[in-house]
């Protein structure tokens, strides 16, 4: 790739699974502090930027907002994020694409449905992708997908490239794979949800708990950035 594109990919901040309006209350503060410290050259959301709980194929909680009200609340929260990140690449995801999935299920042609930017009132700098394949400054290629495989290193081995993913809220780790040609890695970056929100009541029966945080890739090297919480479940102000 050209030097220009390499510089764009020099410090990539990855955000995943905010599930607005059911995201963690300190998400914006945390991301603002992370941005100030690392000054990312590119920001990529790995999806589930909204939850769309009321439109789920699973049972939805009748005590939560309707689909229309939920969307209004999500947009209100996202608008603060638009100011922080006027440009962002967003990867297609199961929750984020719920309106398209519902349209497909009910036989509604895609042309009848509005685009992401219109629905979420997102700025023109926000662009949605099915998946992304980037070239990092060290020459490694990086595949970005919402959630290709729970064991991210299996995805690395199958693709033969580095991989970043989200989707699996309880997974927050980096693995490495040495090949004759390169040192490859995979990173799963947890989520930014409010685990106590009614939309995630199903988590209470899971053995593992969601891990709140995000990740960054600097000069081709991955780093996890946990949002360390205090006993009240609020961010303690520390930026790793």
C-alpha atoms as a PDB file:
ATOM      1  CA  UNK A   1       0.000   0.000   0.000  1.00  0.00           C
ATOM      2  CA  UNK A   2       0.995   3.607  -0.356  1.00  0.00           C
ATOM      3  CA  UNK A   3       2.661   5.544   2.447  1.00  0.00           C
ATOM      4  CA  UNK A   4      -0.527   7.544   2.898  1.00  0.00           C
ATOM      5  CA  UNK A   5      -2.598   4.454   3.645  1.00  0.00           C
ATOM      6  CA  UNK A   6       0.131   3.083   5.896  1.00  0.00           C
ATOM      7  CA  UNK A   7      -0.004   6.278   7.944  1.00  0.00           C
ATOM      8  CA  UNK A   8      -3.797   5.971   8.219  1.00  0.00           C
ATOM      9  CA  UNK A   9      -3.306   2.511   9.710  1.00  0.00           C
ATOM     10  CA  UNK A  10      -0.489   3.544  12.041  1.00  0.00           C
ATOM     11  CA  UNK A  11      -2.633   3.800  15.179  1.00  0.00           C
ATOM     12  CA  UNK A  12      -6.026   2.134  14.765  1.00  0.00           C
ATOM     13  CA  UNK A  13      -8.487   2.348  17.639  1.00  0.00           C
ATOM     14  CA  UNK A  14     -11.026  -0.480  17.620  1.00  0.00           C
ATOM     15  CA  UNK A  15     -14.406  -0.140  19.340  1.00  0.00           C
ATOM     16  CA  UNK A  16     -16.877  -2.959  19.622  1.00  0.00           C
ATOM     17  CA  UNK A  17     -20.305  -3.820  20.965  1.00  0.00           C
ATOM     18  CA  UNK A  18     -21.505  -0.537  22.449  1.00  0.00           C
ATOM     19  CA  UNK A  19     -25.105  -1.743  22.087  1.00  0.00           C
ATOM     20  CA  UNK A  20     -26.589   1.744  22.367  1.00  0.00           C
ATOM     21  CA  UNK A  21     -28.697   2.735  24.269  1.00  0.00           C
ATOM     22  CA  UNK A  22     -27.626  -0.050  26.633  1.00  0.00           C
ATOM     23  CA  UNK A  23     -23.918   0.768  26.626  1.00  0.00           C
ATOM     24  CA  UNK A  24     -21.765   1.481  29.646  1.00  0.00           C
ATOM     25  CA  UNK A  25     -22.428   4.929  31.120  1.00  0.00           C
ATOM     26  CA  UNK A  26     -18.743   5.898  30.972  1.00  0.00           C
ATOM     27  CA  UNK A  27     -18.109   4.832  27.373  1.00  0.00           C
ATOM     28  CA  UNK A  28     -17.787   8.365  26.028  1.00  0.00           C
ATOM     29  CA  UNK A  29     -15.500   9.507  28.868  1.00  0.00           C
ATOM     30  CA  UNK A  30     -13.320   6.441  28.455  1.00  0.00           C
ATOM     31  CA  UNK A  31     -13.035   6.753  24.673  1.00  0.00           C
ATOM     32  CA  UNK A  32     -12.296  10.470  24.976  1.00  0.00           C
ATOM     33  CA  UNK A  33      -9.431   9.761  27.374  1.00  0.00           C
ATOM     34  CA  UNK A  34      -8.107   6.913  25.195  1.00  0.00           C
ATOM     35  CA  UNK A  35      -8.192   9.189  22.145  1.00  0.00           C
ATOM     36  CA  UNK A  36      -6.329  11.930  23.997  1.00  0.00           C
ATOM     37  CA  UNK A  37      -3.592   9.505  25.064  1.00  0.00           C
ATOM     38  CA  UNK A  38      -3.124   7.530  21.840  1.00  0.00           C
ATOM     39  CA  UNK A  39      -4.268  10.019  19.160  1.00  0.00           C
ATOM     40  CA  UNK A  40      -5.531   7.317  16.751  1.00  0.00           C
ATOM     41  CA  UNK A  41      -5.048   7.875  13.037  1.00  0.00           C
ATOM     42  CA  UNK A  42      -8.088   5.721  12.312  1.00  0.00           C
ATOM     43  CA  UNK A  43     -11.116   4.533  14.262  1.00  0.00           C
ATOM     44  CA  UNK A  44     -12.989   1.338  13.428  1.00  0.00           C
ATOM     45  CA  UNK A  45     -16.150   0.066  15.091  1.00  0.00           C
ATOM     46  CA  UNK A  46     -16.423  -3.707  14.909  1.00  0.00           C
ATOM     47  CA  UNK A  47     -20.193  -3.460  15.058  1.00  0.00           C
ATOM     48  CA  UNK A  48     -23.189  -3.727  17.348  1.00  0.00           C
ATOM     49  CA  UNK A  49     -23.078   0.020  17.696  1.00  0.00           C
ATOM     50  CA  UNK A  50     -26.790  -0.244  18.508  1.00  0.00           C
ATOM     51  CA  UNK A  51     -28.650  -3.048  20.256  1.00  0.00           C
ATOM     52  CA  UNK A  52     -32.069  -3.126  18.544  1.00  0.00           C
ATOM     53  CA  UNK A  53     -33.359  -5.239  21.436  1.00  0.00           C
ATOM     54  CA  UNK A  54     -37.008  -4.515  20.636  1.00  0.00           C
ATOM     55  CA  UNK A  55     -36.554  -5.871  17.086  1.00  0.00           C
ATOM     56  CA  UNK A  56     -34.670  -9.015  18.107  1.00  0.00           C
ATOM     57  CA  UNK A  57     -35.570 -12.441  16.745  1.00  0.00           C
ATOM     58  CA  UNK A  58     -35.478 -13.540  20.393  1.00  0.00           C
ATOM     59  CA  UNK A  59     -38.013 -12.578  23.032  1.00  0.00           C
ATOM     60  CA  UNK A  60     -37.735  -8.898  23.965  1.00  0.00           C
ATOM     61  CA  UNK A  61     -38.444  -7.519  27.422  1.00  0.00           C
ATOM     62  CA  UNK A  62     -41.839  -5.722  27.390  1.00  0.00           C
ATOM     63  CA  UNK A  63     -40.615  -3.356  30.113  1.00  0.00           C
ATOM     64  CA  UNK A  64     -37.920  -1.929  27.832  1.00  0.00           C
ATOM     65  CA  UNK A  65     -38.548   0.854  25.269  1.00  0.00           C
ATOM     66  CA  UNK A  66     -40.336   0.104  21.999  1.00  0.00           C
ATOM     67  CA  UNK A  67     -38.266  -0.194  18.824  1.00  0.00           C
ATOM     68  CA  UNK A  68     -38.931   3.435  17.901  1.00  0.00           C
ATOM     69  CA  UNK A  69     -38.116   4.804  21.339  1.00  0.00           C
ATOM     70  CA  UNK A  70     -35.036   2.618  21.593  1.00  0.00           C
ATOM     71  CA  UNK A  71     -33.747   4.017  18.311  1.00  0.00           C
ATOM     72  CA  UNK A  72     -34.312   7.604  19.493  1.00  0.00           C
ATOM     73  CA  UNK A  73     -32.351   6.925  22.672  1.00  0.00           C
ATOM     74  CA  UNK A  74     -29.536   5.270  20.715  1.00  0.00           C
ATOM     75  CA  UNK A  75     -29.251   8.189  18.280  1.00  0.00           C
ATOM     76  CA  UNK A  76     -29.131  10.667  21.168  1.00  0.00           C
ATOM     77  CA  UNK A  77     -26.160   8.830  22.662  1.00  0.00           C
ATOM     78  CA  UNK A  78     -24.446   8.307  19.309  1.00  0.00           C
ATOM     79  CA  UNK A  79     -24.528  12.025  18.503  1.00  0.00           C
ATOM     80  CA  UNK A  80     -21.981  12.679  21.247  1.00  0.00           C
ATOM     81  CA  UNK A  81     -19.807   9.993  19.667  1.00  0.00           C
ATOM     82  CA  UNK A  82     -20.152  11.632  16.245  1.00  0.00           C
ATOM     83  CA  UNK A  83     -18.549  14.770  17.674  1.00  0.00           C
ATOM     84  CA  UNK A  84     -15.637  12.785  19.081  1.00  0.00           C
ATOM     85  CA  UNK A  85     -15.227  10.665  15.937  1.00  0.00           C
ATOM     86  CA  UNK A  86     -16.557  12.489  12.851  1.00  0.00           C
ATOM     87  CA  UNK A  87     -14.916   9.750  10.768  1.00  0.00           C
ATOM     88  CA  UNK A  88     -15.326   6.075  11.503  1.00  0.00           C
ATOM     89  CA  UNK A  89     -15.404   2.785   9.625  1.00  0.00           C
ATOM     90  CA  UNK A  90     -18.120   0.464  10.930  1.00  0.00           C
ATOM     91  CA  UNK A  91     -18.256  -3.271  10.276  1.00  0.00           C
ATOM     92  CA  UNK A  92     -21.611  -4.928   9.675  1.00  0.00           C
ATOM     93  CA  UNK A  93     -22.918  -6.876  12.674  1.00  0.00           C
ATOM     94  CA  UNK A  94     -25.831  -8.989  13.863  1.00  0.00           C
ATOM     95  CA  UNK A  95     -27.428  -6.327  16.099  1.00  0.00           C
ATOM     96  CA  UNK A  96     -26.504  -3.343  13.938  1.00  0.00           C
ATOM     97  CA  UNK A  97     -28.015  -4.908  10.827  1.00  0.00           C
ATOM     98  CA  UNK A  98     -31.245  -6.009  12.516  1.00  0.00           C
ATOM     99  CA  UNK A  99     -33.472  -3.904  10.250  1.00  0.00           C
ATOM    100  CA  UNK A 100     -31.920  -5.529   7.158  1.00  0.00           C
ATOM    101  CA  UNK A 101     -32.221  -8.999   8.698  1.00  0.00           C
ATOM    102  CA  UNK A 102     -35.867  -8.374   9.529  1.00  0.00           C
ATOM    103  CA  UNK A 103     -36.482  -7.075   6.023  1.00  0.00           C
ATOM    104  CA  UNK A 104     -34.928 -10.200   4.534  1.00  0.00           C
ATOM    105  CA  UNK A 105     -36.996 -12.411   6.838  1.00  0.00           C
ATOM    106  CA  UNK A 106     -40.223 -10.701   5.791  1.00  0.00           C
ATOM    107  CA  UNK A 107     -39.328 -10.555   2.089  1.00  0.00           C
ATOM    108  CA  UNK A 108     -38.741  -6.787   1.857  1.00  0.00           C
ATOM    109  CA  UNK A 109     -36.268  -5.851  -0.927  1.00  0.00           C
ATOM    110  CA  UNK A 110     -33.165  -4.020   0.299  1.00  0.00           C
ATOM    111  CA  UNK A 111     -33.990  -0.991  -1.835  1.00  0.00           C
ATOM    112  CA  UNK A 112     -37.041  -0.272   0.317  1.00  0.00           C
ATOM    113  CA  UNK A 113     -34.883   0.046   3.439  1.00  0.00           C
ATOM    114  CA  UNK A 114     -32.933   3.131   4.485  1.00  0.00           C
ATOM    115  CA  UNK A 115     -29.141   3.185   4.740  1.00  0.00           C
ATOM    116  CA  UNK A 116     -27.310   3.147   8.071  1.00  0.00           C
ATOM    117  CA  UNK A 117     -26.326   6.823   7.900  1.00  0.00           C
ATOM    118  CA  UNK A 118     -29.957   7.885   7.412  1.00  0.00           C
ATOM    119  CA  UNK A 119     -31.319   5.687  10.181  1.00  0.00           C
ATOM    120  CA  UNK A 120     -28.695   6.626  12.775  1.00  0.00           C
ATOM    121  CA  UNK A 121     -28.345  10.257  11.597  1.00  0.00           C
ATOM    122  CA  UNK A 122     -24.620   9.582  11.273  1.00  0.00           C
ATOM    123  CA  UNK A 123     -22.200  12.014   9.622  1.00  0.00           C
ATOM    124  CA  UNK A 124     -20.920  11.357   6.120  1.00  0.00           C
ATOM    125  CA  UNK A 125     -17.564  10.337   7.567  1.00  0.00           C
ATOM    126  CA  UNK A 126     -19.115   7.183   9.011  1.00  0.00           C
ATOM    127  CA  UNK A 127     -18.936   4.357   6.473  1.00  0.00           C
ATOM    128  CA  UNK A 128     -20.266   0.814   6.855  1.00  0.00           C
ATOM    129  CA  UNK A 129     -18.481  -2.294   5.506  1.00  0.00           C
ATOM    130  CA  UNK A 130     -19.288  -5.995   5.437  1.00  0.00           C
ATOM    131  CA  UNK A 131     -15.656  -6.682   6.418  1.00  0.00           C
ATOM    132  CA  UNK A 132     -12.288  -4.968   6.067  1.00  0.00           C
ATOM    133  CA  UNK A 133      -8.807  -6.072   4.966  1.00  0.00           C
ATOM    134  CA  UNK A 134      -6.063  -3.591   5.811  1.00  0.00           C
ATOM    135  CA  UNK A 135      -2.310  -3.433   5.338  1.00  0.00           C
ATOM    136  CA  UNK A 136      -0.424  -2.468   8.488  1.00  0.00           C
ATOM    137  CA  UNK A 137       2.808  -0.422   8.557  1.00  0.00           C
ATOM    138  CA  UNK A 138       4.863  -3.567   9.262  1.00  0.00           C
ATOM    139  CA  UNK A 139       3.521  -5.233   6.108  1.00  0.00           C
ATOM    140  CA  UNK A 140       1.143  -7.639   7.836  1.00  0.00           C
ATOM    141  CA  UNK A 141      -2.433  -7.747   6.595  1.00  0.00           C
ATOM    142  CA  UNK A 142      -5.265  -7.338   9.067  1.00  0.00           C
ATOM    143  CA  UNK A 143      -8.750  -8.774   8.633  1.00  0.00           C
ATOM    144  CA  UNK A 144     -11.533  -7.050  10.583  1.00  0.00           C
ATOM    145  CA  UNK A 145     -14.842  -8.804  11.144  1.00  0.00           C
ATOM    146  CA  UNK A 146     -17.573  -8.519  13.777  1.00  0.00           C
ATOM    147  CA  UNK A 147     -17.137 -12.097  15.000  1.00  0.00           C
ATOM    148  CA  UNK A 148     -15.711 -14.712  12.664  1.00  0.00           C
ATOM    149  CA  UNK A 149     -14.869 -17.461  15.169  1.00  0.00           C
ATOM    150  CA  UNK A 150     -14.996 -17.555  18.968  1.00  0.00           C
ATOM    151  CA  UNK A 151     -11.431 -18.904  19.060  1.00  0.00           C
ATOM    152  CA  UNK A 152      -9.861 -15.995  17.188  1.00  0.00           C
ATOM    153  CA  UNK A 153      -6.599 -17.875  16.531  1.00  0.00           C
ATOM    154  CA  UNK A 154      -8.507 -20.416  14.434  1.00  0.00           C
ATOM    155  CA  UNK A 155      -9.600 -17.513  12.252  1.00  0.00           C
ATOM    156  CA  UNK A 156      -5.977 -16.325  12.045  1.00  0.00           C
ATOM    157  CA  UNK A 157      -4.807 -19.782  10.964  1.00  0.00           C
ATOM    158  CA  UNK A 158      -7.616 -20.178   8.426  1.00  0.00           C
ATOM    159  CA  UNK A 159      -7.162 -16.725   6.891  1.00  0.00           C
ATOM    160  CA  UNK A 160      -3.383 -16.530   7.121  1.00  0.00           C
ATOM    161  CA  UNK A 161      -3.582 -12.921   8.312  1.00  0.00           C
ATOM    162  CA  UNK A 162      -3.956 -11.022  11.584  1.00  0.00           C
ATOM    163  CA  UNK A 163      -7.548 -10.717  12.844  1.00  0.00           C
ATOM    164  CA  UNK A 164      -9.437  -8.278  15.073  1.00  0.00           C
ATOM    165  CA  UNK A 165     -12.972  -9.089  16.174  1.00  0.00           C
ATOM    166  CA  UNK A 166     -15.590  -8.307  18.811  1.00  0.00           C
ATOM    167  CA  UNK A 167     -19.018  -9.951  19.308  1.00  0.00           C
ATOM    168  CA  UNK A 168     -17.888 -12.269  22.125  1.00  0.00           C
ATOM    169  CA  UNK A 169     -18.458 -10.031  25.133  1.00  0.00           C
ATOM    170  CA  UNK A 170     -16.601 -12.228  27.607  1.00  0.00           C
ATOM    171  CA  UNK A 171     -13.453 -12.645  25.460  1.00  0.00           C
ATOM    172  CA  UNK A 172     -10.607 -10.162  25.805  1.00  0.00           C
ATOM    173  CA  UNK A 173      -7.257 -11.499  24.707  1.00  0.00           C
ATOM    174  CA  UNK A 174      -4.436 -11.517  22.155  1.00  0.00           C
ATOM    175  CA  UNK A 175      -2.900 -14.678  20.699  1.00  0.00           C
ATOM    176  CA  UNK A 176       0.087 -15.192  18.408  1.00  0.00           C
ATOM    177  CA  UNK A 177       0.885 -17.597  15.583  1.00  0.00           C
ATOM    178  CA  UNK A 178       4.375 -17.928  14.107  1.00  0.00           C
ATOM    179  CA  UNK A 179       4.692 -18.870  10.429  1.00  0.00           C
ATOM    180  CA  UNK A 180       7.721 -19.120   8.111  1.00  0.00           C
ATOM    181  CA  UNK A 181       6.719 -15.738   6.665  1.00  0.00           C
ATOM    182  CA  UNK A 182       5.365 -13.669   9.544  1.00  0.00           C
ATOM    183  CA  UNK A 183       4.354 -13.409  13.176  1.00  0.00           C
ATOM    184  CA  UNK A 184       0.562 -13.286  13.043  1.00  0.00           C
ATOM    185  CA  UNK A 185      -1.798 -12.374  15.862  1.00  0.00           C
ATOM    186  CA  UNK A 186      -5.473 -12.282  16.703  1.00  0.00           C
ATOM    187  CA  UNK A 187      -7.274  -9.940  19.093  1.00  0.00           C
ATOM    188  CA  UNK A 188     -10.779 -10.103  20.561  1.00  0.00           C
ATOM    189  CA  UNK A 189     -11.656  -6.854  22.302  1.00  0.00           C
ATOM    190  CA  UNK A 190     -14.613  -7.493  24.605  1.00  0.00           C
ATOM    191  CA  UNK A 191     -17.412  -4.920  24.704  1.00  0.00           C
ATOM    192  CA  UNK A 192     -18.637  -1.594  26.077  1.00  0.00           C
ATOM    193  CA  UNK A 193     -22.011  -2.622  27.475  1.00  0.00           C
ATOM    194  CA  UNK A 194     -23.803  -1.920  30.726  1.00  0.00           C
ATOM    195  CA  UNK A 195     -23.911  -5.492  32.014  1.00  0.00           C
ATOM    196  CA  UNK A 196     -26.714  -4.599  34.433  1.00  0.00           C
ATOM    197  CA  UNK A 197     -29.058  -3.325  31.709  1.00  0.00           C
ATOM    198  CA  UNK A 198     -32.257  -5.350  31.325  1.00  0.00           C
ATOM    199  CA  UNK A 199     -31.361  -6.006  27.682  1.00  0.00           C
ATOM    200  CA  UNK A 200     -28.547  -8.280  28.914  1.00  0.00           C
ATOM    201  CA  UNK A 201     -30.553 -10.239  31.476  1.00  0.00           C
ATOM    202  CA  UNK A 202     -29.437 -13.422  29.683  1.00  0.00           C
ATOM    203  CA  UNK A 203     -25.884 -12.789  30.959  1.00  0.00           C
ATOM    204  CA  UNK A 204     -26.943 -13.632  34.493  1.00  0.00           C
ATOM    205  CA  UNK A 205     -27.053 -17.318  33.660  1.00  0.00           C
ATOM    206  CA  UNK A 206     -23.602 -17.317  32.022  1.00  0.00           C
ATOM    207  CA  UNK A 207     -20.563 -18.466  33.980  1.00  0.00           C
ATOM    208  CA  UNK A 208     -18.289 -15.867  32.360  1.00  0.00           C
ATOM    209  CA  UNK A 209     -18.946 -12.142  32.719  1.00  0.00           C
ATOM    210  CA  UNK A 210     -18.607  -9.448  30.015  1.00  0.00           C
ATOM    211  CA  UNK A 211     -15.217  -7.724  29.865  1.00  0.00           C
ATOM    212  CA  UNK A 212     -15.451  -3.979  29.325  1.00  0.00           C
ATOM    213  CA  UNK A 213     -12.751  -2.439  27.157  1.00  0.00           C
ATOM    214  CA  UNK A 214     -11.414  -1.863  23.691  1.00  0.00           C
ATOM    215  CA  UNK A 215      -8.213  -2.315  21.702  1.00  0.00           C
ATOM    216  CA  UNK A 216      -5.670  -0.474  19.621  1.00  0.00           C
ATOM    217  CA  UNK A 217      -3.073  -1.484  17.041  1.00  0.00           C
ATOM    218  CA  UNK A 218       0.023   0.717  17.021  1.00  0.00           C
ATOM    219  CA  UNK A 219       2.542   0.247  14.196  1.00  0.00           C
ATOM    220  CA  UNK A 220       1.155  -3.241  13.649  1.00  0.00           C
ATOM    221  CA  UNK A 221       1.268  -4.268  17.316  1.00  0.00           C
ATOM    222  CA  UNK A 222      -2.010  -5.037  19.168  1.00  0.00           C
ATOM    223  CA  UNK A 223      -2.776  -3.774  22.656  1.00  0.00           C
ATOM    224  CA  UNK A 224      -5.841  -4.326  24.824  1.00  0.00           C
ATOM    225  CA  UNK A 225      -7.285  -1.363  26.727  1.00  0.00           C
ATOM    226  CA  UNK A 226      -9.525  -2.540  29.582  1.00  0.00           C
ATOM    227  CA  UNK A 227     -11.935  -0.076  31.155  1.00  0.00           C
ATOM    228  CA  UNK A 228     -11.089  -0.760  34.784  1.00  0.00           C
ATOM    229  CA  UNK A 229     -14.202  -0.416  36.951  1.00  0.00           C
ATOM    230  CA  UNK A 230     -14.598   0.380  40.617  1.00  0.00           C
ATOM    231  CA  UNK A 231     -16.865  -1.504  43.031  1.00  0.00           C
ATOM    232  CA  UNK A 232     -19.845   0.527  41.842  1.00  0.00           C
ATOM    233  CA  UNK A 233     -19.271  -0.530  38.239  1.00  0.00           C
ATOM    234  CA  UNK A 234     -18.037   2.883  37.092  1.00  0.00           C
ATOM    235  CA  UNK A 235     -14.783   3.618  35.239  1.00  0.00           C
ATOM    236  CA  UNK A 236     -11.980   4.470  37.679  1.00  0.00           C
ATOM    237  CA  UNK A 237     -10.373   7.002  35.309  1.00  0.00           C
ATOM    238  CA  UNK A 238      -7.307   4.899  34.443  1.00  0.00           C
ATOM    239  CA  UNK A 239      -6.184   4.685  30.806  1.00  0.00           C
ATOM    240  CA  UNK A 240      -3.855   1.678  30.192  1.00  0.00           C
END
